[in-house]
Amino acid sequence: MSSREEQRFLKKLGQRLAVQRKAKAITQEDLAARTELNRNTIALIEGGKRGTTTPTLFRIAKAIDVSLEDIFKGL
């Protein structure tokens, strides 16, 4: 995967997470508390500026009550 492709993927992934989080009326602060992550980390992931590990992505998905399949579908 090229650097540009990776950037586009991270941006889409972050946007998907933000949409799912907002649909559940969860703030970044609430999500940070639920996942034991820093709010800034959540913002960087949602902004596509930072990648994440599978376990962290699993924690985020669980905290916003969506499946990993739903997050990745169509990316």
PDB file of N, CA and C in Angstrom:
ATOM      1  N   MET A   1       0.863  -1.170   0.000  1.00  0.00           N
ATOM      2  CA  MET A   1       0.000   0.000   0.000  1.00  0.00           C
ATOM      3  C   MET A   1       0.906   1.228   0.000  1.00  0.00           C
ATOM      4  N   SER A   2       0.634   2.141  -0.910  1.00  0.00           N
ATOM      5  CA  SER A   2       1.436   3.358  -0.969  1.00  0.00           C
ATOM      6  C   SER A   2       1.075   4.286   0.177  1.00  0.00           C
ATOM      7  N   SER A   3       1.927   5.234   0.385  1.00  0.00           N
ATOM      8  CA  SER A   3       1.706   6.198   1.461  1.00  0.00           C
ATOM      9  C   SER A   3       0.390   6.958   1.256  1.00  0.00           C
ATOM     10  N   ARG A   4       0.091   7.316   0.022  1.00  0.00           N
ATOM     11  CA  ARG A   4      -1.168   8.021  -0.267  1.00  0.00           C
ATOM     12  C   ARG A   4      -2.383   7.138  -0.006  1.00  0.00           C
ATOM     13  N   GLU A   5      -2.273   5.891  -0.411  1.00  0.00           N
ATOM     14  CA  GLU A   5      -3.378   4.958  -0.173  1.00  0.00           C
ATOM     15  C   GLU A   5      -3.599   4.777   1.323  1.00  0.00           C
ATOM     16  N   GLU A   6      -2.496   4.677   2.051  1.00  0.00           N
ATOM     17  CA  GLU A   6      -2.595   4.524   3.497  1.00  0.00           C
ATOM     18  C   GLU A   6      -3.249   5.752   4.126  1.00  0.00           C
ATOM     19  N   GLN A   7      -2.871   6.921   3.670  1.00  0.00           N
ATOM     20  CA  GLN A   7      -3.454   8.175   4.191  1.00  0.00           C
ATOM     21  C   GLN A   7      -4.953   8.222   3.917  1.00  0.00           C
ATOM     22  N   ARG A   8      -5.342   7.846   2.698  1.00  0.00           N
ATOM     23  CA  ARG A   8      -6.778   7.846   2.352  1.00  0.00           C
ATOM     24  C   ARG A   8      -7.538   6.844   3.217  1.00  0.00           C
ATOM     25  N   PHE A   9      -6.937   5.674   3.406  1.00  0.00           N
ATOM     26  CA  PHE A   9      -7.575   4.656   4.230  1.00  0.00           C
ATOM     27  C   PHE A   9      -7.758   5.153   5.661  1.00  0.00           C
ATOM     28  N   LEU A  10      -6.701   5.715   6.250  1.00  0.00           N
ATOM     29  CA  LEU A  10      -6.791   6.210   7.626  1.00  0.00           C
ATOM     30  C   LEU A  10      -7.830   7.310   7.744  1.00  0.00           C
ATOM     31  N   LYS A  11      -7.919   8.172   6.740  1.00  0.00           N
ATOM     32  CA  LYS A  11      -8.911   9.254   6.752  1.00  0.00           C
ATOM     33  C   LYS A  11     -10.330   8.667   6.724  1.00  0.00           C
ATOM     34  N   LYS A  12     -10.567   7.718   5.831  1.00  0.00           N
ATOM     35  CA  LYS A  12     -11.890   7.082   5.741  1.00  0.00           C
ATOM     36  C   LYS A  12     -12.240   6.333   7.023  1.00  0.00           C
ATOM     37  N   LEU A  13     -11.265   5.615   7.556  1.00  0.00           N
ATOM     38  CA  LEU A  13     -11.485   4.874   8.802  1.00  0.00           C
ATOM     39  C   LEU A  13     -11.840   5.840   9.929  1.00  0.00           C
ATOM     40  N   GLY A  14     -11.085   6.912  10.054  1.00  0.00           N
ATOM     41  CA  GLY A  14     -11.357   7.898  11.091  1.00  0.00           C
ATOM     42  C   GLY A  14     -12.729   8.529  10.945  1.00  0.00           C
ATOM     43  N   GLN A  15     -13.088   8.852   9.712  1.00  0.00           N
ATOM     44  CA  GLN A  15     -14.409   9.433   9.466  1.00  0.00           C
ATOM     45  C   GLN A  15     -15.515   8.455   9.836  1.00  0.00           C
ATOM     46  N   ARG A  16     -15.312   7.200   9.503  1.00  0.00           N
ATOM     47  CA  ARG A  16     -16.301   6.169   9.830  1.00  0.00           C
ATOM     48  C   ARG A  16     -16.479   6.060  11.340  1.00  0.00           C
ATOM     49  N   LEU A  17     -15.363   6.064  12.068  1.00  0.00           N
ATOM     50  CA  LEU A  17     -15.435   5.983  13.530  1.00  0.00           C
ATOM     51  C   LEU A  17     -16.164   7.195  14.104  1.00  0.00           C
ATOM     52  N   ALA A  18     -15.866   8.375  13.586  1.00  0.00           N
ATOM     53  CA  ALA A  18     -16.503   9.595  14.083  1.00  0.00           C
ATOM     54  C   ALA A  18     -18.008   9.574  13.823  1.00  0.00           C
ATOM     55  N   VAL A  19     -18.402   9.134  12.640  1.00  0.00           N
ATOM     56  CA  VAL A  19     -19.839   9.061  12.305  1.00  0.00           C
ATOM     57  C   VAL A  19     -20.545   8.083  13.238  1.00  0.00           C
ATOM     58  N   GLN A  20     -19.943   6.911  13.442  1.00  0.00           N
ATOM     59  CA  GLN A  20     -20.545   5.908  14.322  1.00  0.00           C
ATOM     60  C   GLN A  20     -20.642   6.425  15.757  1.00  0.00           C
ATOM     61  N   ARG A  21     -19.591   7.094  16.220  1.00  0.00           N
ATOM     62  CA  ARG A  21     -19.580   7.642  17.581  1.00  0.00           C
ATOM     63  C   ARG A  21     -20.659   8.702  17.744  1.00  0.00           C
ATOM     64  N   LYS A  22     -20.750   9.616  16.789  1.00  0.00           N
ATOM     65  CA  LYS A  22     -21.737  10.698  16.868  1.00  0.00           C
ATOM     66  C   LYS A  22     -23.160  10.170  16.762  1.00  0.00           C
ATOM     67  N   ALA A  23     -23.356   9.106  15.989  1.00  0.00           N
ATOM     68  CA  ALA A  23     -24.683   8.501  15.861  1.00  0.00           C
ATOM     69  C   ALA A  23     -25.180   7.962  17.199  1.00  0.00           C
ATOM     70  N   LYS A  24     -24.252   7.602  18.066  1.00  0.00           N
ATOM     71  CA  LYS A  24     -24.602   7.102  19.404  1.00  0.00           C
ATOM     72  C   LYS A  24     -24.568   8.208  20.453  1.00  0.00           C
ATOM     73  N   ALA A  25     -24.374   9.460  19.996  1.00  0.00           N
ATOM     74  CA  ALA A  25     -24.320  10.630  20.890  1.00  0.00           C
ATOM     75  C   ALA A  25     -23.237  10.472  21.967  1.00  0.00           C
ATOM     76  N   ILE A  26     -22.083   9.982  21.538  1.00  0.00           N
ATOM     77  CA  ILE A  26     -20.948   9.807  22.438  1.00  0.00           C
ATOM     78  C   ILE A  26     -19.906  10.869  22.086  1.00  0.00           C
ATOM     79  N   THR A  27     -19.455  11.598  23.068  1.00  0.00           N
ATOM     80  CA  THR A  27     -18.423  12.603  22.826  1.00  0.00           C
ATOM     81  C   THR A  27     -17.049  11.923  22.772  1.00  0.00           C
ATOM     82  N   GLN A  28     -16.083  12.656  22.247  1.00  0.00           N
ATOM     83  CA  GLN A  28     -14.725  12.130  22.256  1.00  0.00           C
ATOM     84  C   GLN A  28     -14.252  11.907  23.691  1.00  0.00           C
ATOM     85  N   GLU A  29     -14.645  12.791  24.587  1.00  0.00           N
ATOM     86  CA  GLU A  29     -14.264  12.636  25.992  1.00  0.00           C
ATOM     87  C   GLU A  29     -14.851  11.362  26.586  1.00  0.00           C
ATOM     88  N   ASP A  30     -16.131  11.108  26.287  1.00  0.00           N
ATOM     89  CA  ASP A  30     -16.770   9.882  26.773  1.00  0.00           C
ATOM     90  C   ASP A  30     -16.085   8.640  26.197  1.00  0.00           C
ATOM     91  N   LEU A  31     -15.788   8.695  24.907  1.00  0.00           N
ATOM     92  CA  LEU A  31     -15.134   7.561  24.260  1.00  0.00           C
ATOM     93  C   LEU A  31     -13.748   7.331  24.853  1.00  0.00           C
ATOM     94  N   ALA A  32     -13.036   8.402  25.107  1.00  0.00           N
ATOM     95  CA  ALA A  32     -11.712   8.280  25.724  1.00  0.00           C
ATOM     96  C   ALA A  32     -11.816   7.593  27.089  1.00  0.00           C
ATOM     97  N   ALA A  33     -12.785   7.976  27.861  1.00  0.00           N
ATOM     98  CA  ALA A  33     -12.968   7.364  29.181  1.00  0.00           C
ATOM     99  C   ALA A  33     -13.340   5.889  29.058  1.00  0.00           C
ATOM    100  N   ARG A  34     -14.209   5.575  28.111  1.00  0.00           N
ATOM    101  CA  ARG A  34     -14.648   4.185  27.937  1.00  0.00           C
ATOM    102  C   ARG A  34     -13.525   3.268  27.445  1.00  0.00           C
ATOM    103  N   THR A  35     -12.593   3.826  26.690  1.00  0.00           N
ATOM    104  CA  THR A  35     -11.520   3.024  26.097  1.00  0.00           C
ATOM    105  C   THR A  35     -10.191   3.180  26.816  1.00  0.00           C
ATOM    106  N   GLU A  36     -10.156   4.065  27.801  1.00  0.00           N
ATOM    107  CA  GLU A  36      -8.926   4.375  28.536  1.00  0.00           C
ATOM    108  C   GLU A  36      -7.845   4.908  27.601  1.00  0.00           C
ATOM    109  N   LEU A  37      -8.287   5.672  26.597  1.00  0.00           N
ATOM    110  CA  LEU A  37      -7.380   6.361  25.690  1.00  0.00           C
ATOM    111  C   LEU A  37      -7.466   7.853  25.970  1.00  0.00           C
ATOM    112  N   ASN A  38      -6.490   8.589  25.519  1.00  0.00           N
ATOM    113  CA  ASN A  38      -6.490  10.042  25.647  1.00  0.00           C
ATOM    114  C   ASN A  38      -7.441  10.631  24.603  1.00  0.00           C
ATOM    115  N   ARG A  39      -8.162  11.698  24.940  1.00  0.00           N
ATOM    116  CA  ARG A  39      -9.075  12.322  23.991  1.00  0.00           C
ATOM    117  C   ARG A  39      -8.329  12.780  22.741  1.00  0.00           C
ATOM    118  N   ASN A  40      -7.113  13.252  22.918  1.00  0.00           N
ATOM    119  CA  ASN A  40      -6.319  13.684  21.777  1.00  0.00           C
ATOM    120  C   ASN A  40      -6.024  12.511  20.836  1.00  0.00           C
ATOM    121  N   THR A  41      -5.800  11.351  21.395  1.00  0.00           N
ATOM    122  CA  THR A  41      -5.580  10.151  20.583  1.00  0.00           C
ATOM    123  C   THR A  41      -6.815   9.840  19.763  1.00  0.00           C
ATOM    124  N   ILE A  42      -7.987   9.923  20.375  1.00  0.00           N
ATOM    125  CA  ILE A  42      -9.253   9.711  19.657  1.00  0.00           C
ATOM    126  C   ILE A  42      -9.365  10.711  18.508  1.00  0.00           C
ATOM    127  N   ALA A  43      -9.070  11.973  18.789  1.00  0.00           N
ATOM    128  CA  ALA A  43      -9.167  13.019  17.764  1.00  0.00           C
ATOM    129  C   ALA A  43      -8.204  12.751  16.611  1.00  0.00           C
ATOM    130  N   LEU A  44      -7.002  12.310  16.914  1.00  0.00           N
ATOM    131  CA  LEU A  44      -6.023  12.020  15.863  1.00  0.00           C
ATOM    132  C   LEU A  44      -6.457  10.832  15.001  1.00  0.00           C
ATOM    133  N   ILE A  45      -6.992   9.807  15.638  1.00  0.00           N
ATOM    134  CA  ILE A  45      -7.483   8.639  14.891  1.00  0.00           C
ATOM    135  C   ILE A  45      -8.660   9.045  14.007  1.00  0.00           C
ATOM    136  N   GLU A  46      -9.616   9.757  14.569  1.00  0.00           N
ATOM    137  CA  GLU A  46     -10.787  10.175  13.791  1.00  0.00           C
ATOM    138  C   GLU A  46     -10.412  11.151  12.672  1.00  0.00           C
ATOM    139  N   GLY A  47      -9.364  11.912  12.879  1.00  0.00           N
ATOM    140  CA  GLY A  47      -8.915  12.851  11.854  1.00  0.00           C
ATOM    141  C   GLY A  47      -8.040  12.213  10.794  1.00  0.00           C
ATOM    142  N   GLY A  48      -7.771  10.921  10.929  1.00  0.00           N
ATOM    143  CA  GLY A  48      -6.945  10.217   9.961  1.00  0.00           C
ATOM    144  C   GLY A  48      -5.470  10.567  10.063  1.00  0.00           C
ATOM    145  N   LYS A  49      -5.079  11.163  11.159  1.00  0.00           N
ATOM    146  CA  LYS A  49      -3.697  11.604  11.350  1.00  0.00           C
ATOM    147  C   LYS A  49      -2.850  10.562  12.083  1.00  0.00           C
ATOM    148  N   ARG A  50      -3.520   9.536  12.584  1.00  0.00           N
ATOM    149  CA  ARG A  50      -2.808   8.501  13.344  1.00  0.00           C
ATOM    150  C   ARG A  50      -3.458   7.151  13.100  1.00  0.00           C
ATOM    151  N   GLY A  51      -2.632   6.160  12.850  1.00  0.00           N
ATOM    152  CA  GLY A  51      -3.132   4.807  12.737  1.00  0.00           C
ATOM    153  C   GLY A  51      -3.374   4.231  14.126  1.00  0.00           C
ATOM    154  N   THR A  52      -3.867   3.030  14.160  1.00  0.00           N
ATOM    155  CA  THR A  52      -4.129   2.395  15.442  1.00  0.00           C
ATOM    156  C   THR A  52      -3.945   0.895  15.311  1.00  0.00           C
ATOM    157  N   THR A  53      -3.857   0.225  16.433  1.00  0.00           N
ATOM    158  CA  THR A  53      -3.706  -1.225  16.429  1.00  0.00           C
ATOM    159  C   THR A  53      -5.086  -1.882  16.393  1.00  0.00           C
ATOM    160  N   THR A  54      -5.093  -3.140  16.035  1.00  0.00           N
ATOM    161  CA  THR A  54      -6.351  -3.891  16.029  1.00  0.00           C
ATOM    162  C   THR A  54      -6.977  -3.956  17.418  1.00  0.00           C
ATOM    163  N   PRO A  55      -6.205  -4.235  18.478  1.00  0.00           N
ATOM    164  CA  PRO A  55      -6.828  -4.256  19.805  1.00  0.00           C
ATOM    165  C   PRO A  55      -7.439  -2.904  20.202  1.00  0.00           C
ATOM    166  N   THR A  56      -6.781  -1.816  19.851  1.00  0.00           N
ATOM    167  CA  THR A  56      -7.330  -0.496  20.176  1.00  0.00           C
ATOM    168  C   THR A  56      -8.597  -0.244  19.367  1.00  0.00           C
ATOM    169  N   LEU A  57      -8.572  -0.615  18.094  1.00  0.00           N
ATOM    170  CA  LEU A  57      -9.758  -0.453  17.260  1.00  0.00           C
ATOM    171  C   LEU A  57     -10.905  -1.297  17.800  1.00  0.00           C
ATOM    172  N   PHE A  58     -10.604  -2.479  18.295  1.00  0.00           N
ATOM    173  CA  PHE A  58     -11.625  -3.332  18.911  1.00  0.00           C
ATOM    174  C   PHE A  58     -12.228  -2.647  20.136  1.00  0.00           C
ATOM    175  N   ARG A  59     -11.385  -2.039  20.971  1.00  0.00           N
ATOM    176  CA  ARG A  59     -11.876  -1.327  22.163  1.00  0.00           C
ATOM    177  C   ARG A  59     -12.784  -0.166  21.770  1.00  0.00           C
ATOM    178  N   ILE A  60     -12.396   0.560  20.736  1.00  0.00           N
ATOM    179  CA  ILE A  60     -13.213   1.683  20.271  1.00  0.00           C
ATOM    180  C   ILE A  60     -14.552   1.171  19.750  1.00  0.00           C
ATOM    181  N   ALA A  61     -14.510   0.142  18.913  1.00  0.00           N
ATOM    182  CA  ALA A  61     -15.754  -0.419  18.355  1.00  0.00           C
ATOM    183  C   ALA A  61     -16.683  -0.903  19.463  1.00  0.00           C
ATOM    184  N   LYS A  62     -16.128  -1.592  20.428  1.00  0.00           N
ATOM    185  CA  LYS A  62     -16.937  -2.094  21.551  1.00  0.00           C
ATOM    186  C   LYS A  62     -17.552  -0.936  22.331  1.00  0.00           C
ATOM    187  N   ALA A  63     -16.781   0.123  22.529  1.00  0.00           N
ATOM    188  CA  ALA A  63     -17.267   1.278  23.299  1.00  0.00           C
ATOM    189  C   ALA A  63     -18.393   2.020  22.592  1.00  0.00           C
ATOM    190  N   ILE A  64     -18.406   1.980  21.250  1.00  0.00           N
ATOM    191  CA  ILE A  64     -19.496   2.652  20.525  1.00  0.00           C
ATOM    192  C   ILE A  64     -20.533   1.651  20.016  1.00  0.00           C
ATOM    193  N   ASP A  65     -20.378   0.400  20.457  1.00  0.00           N
ATOM    194  CA  ASP A  65     -21.350  -0.657  20.186  1.00  0.00           C
ATOM    195  C   ASP A  65     -21.571  -0.898  18.687  1.00  0.00           C
ATOM    196  N   VAL A  66     -20.457  -1.053  17.966  1.00  0.00           N
ATOM    197  CA  VAL A  66     -20.515  -1.436  16.558  1.00  0.00           C
ATOM    198  C   VAL A  66     -19.506  -2.564  16.337  1.00  0.00           C
ATOM    199  N   SER A  67     -19.712  -3.340  15.306  1.00  0.00           N
ATOM    200  CA  SER A  67     -18.784  -4.429  15.020  1.00  0.00           C
ATOM    201  C   SER A  67     -17.625  -3.902  14.176  1.00  0.00           C
ATOM    202  N   LEU A  68     -16.515  -4.598  14.244  1.00  0.00           N
ATOM    203  CA  LEU A  68     -15.386  -4.253  13.358  1.00  0.00           C
ATOM    204  C   LEU A  68     -15.804  -4.399  11.910  1.00  0.00           C
ATOM    205  N   GLU A  69     -16.653  -5.372  11.624  1.00  0.00           N
ATOM    206  CA  GLU A  69     -17.153  -5.564  10.262  1.00  0.00           C
ATOM    207  C   GLU A  69     -17.872  -4.309   9.775  1.00  0.00           C
ATOM    208  N   ASP A  70     -18.720  -3.735  10.619  1.00  0.00           N
ATOM    209  CA  ASP A  70     -19.440  -2.520  10.237  1.00  0.00           C
ATOM    210  C   ASP A  70     -18.489  -1.340  10.000  1.00  0.00           C
ATOM    211  N   ILE A  71     -17.430  -1.288  10.769  1.00  0.00           N
ATOM    212  CA  ILE A  71     -16.473  -0.201  10.611  1.00  0.00           C
ATOM    213  C   ILE A  71     -15.717  -0.339   9.287  1.00  0.00           C
ATOM    214  N   PHE A  72     -15.316  -1.555   8.934  1.00  0.00           N
ATOM    215  CA  PHE A  72     -14.510  -1.760   7.740  1.00  0.00           C
ATOM    216  C   PHE A  72     -15.318  -1.916   6.462  1.00  0.00           C
ATOM    217  N   LYS A  73     -16.618  -2.192   6.590  1.00  0.00           N
ATOM    218  CA  LYS A  73     -17.452  -2.446   5.421  1.00  0.00           C
ATOM    219  C   LYS A  73     -17.384  -1.269   4.435  1.00  0.00           C
ATOM    220  N   GLY A  74     -16.974  -1.552   3.218  1.00  0.00           N
ATOM    221  CA  GLY A  74     -16.966  -0.533   2.173  1.00  0.00           C
ATOM    222  C   GLY A  74     -15.746   0.370   2.149  1.00  0.00           C
ATOM    223  N   LEU A  75     -14.816   0.160   3.068  1.00  0.00           N
ATOM    224  CA  LEU A  75     -13.604   0.989   3.040  1.00  0.00           C
ATOM    225  C   LEU A  75     -12.707   0.474   1.939  1.00  0.00           C
TER     226      LEU A  75
END
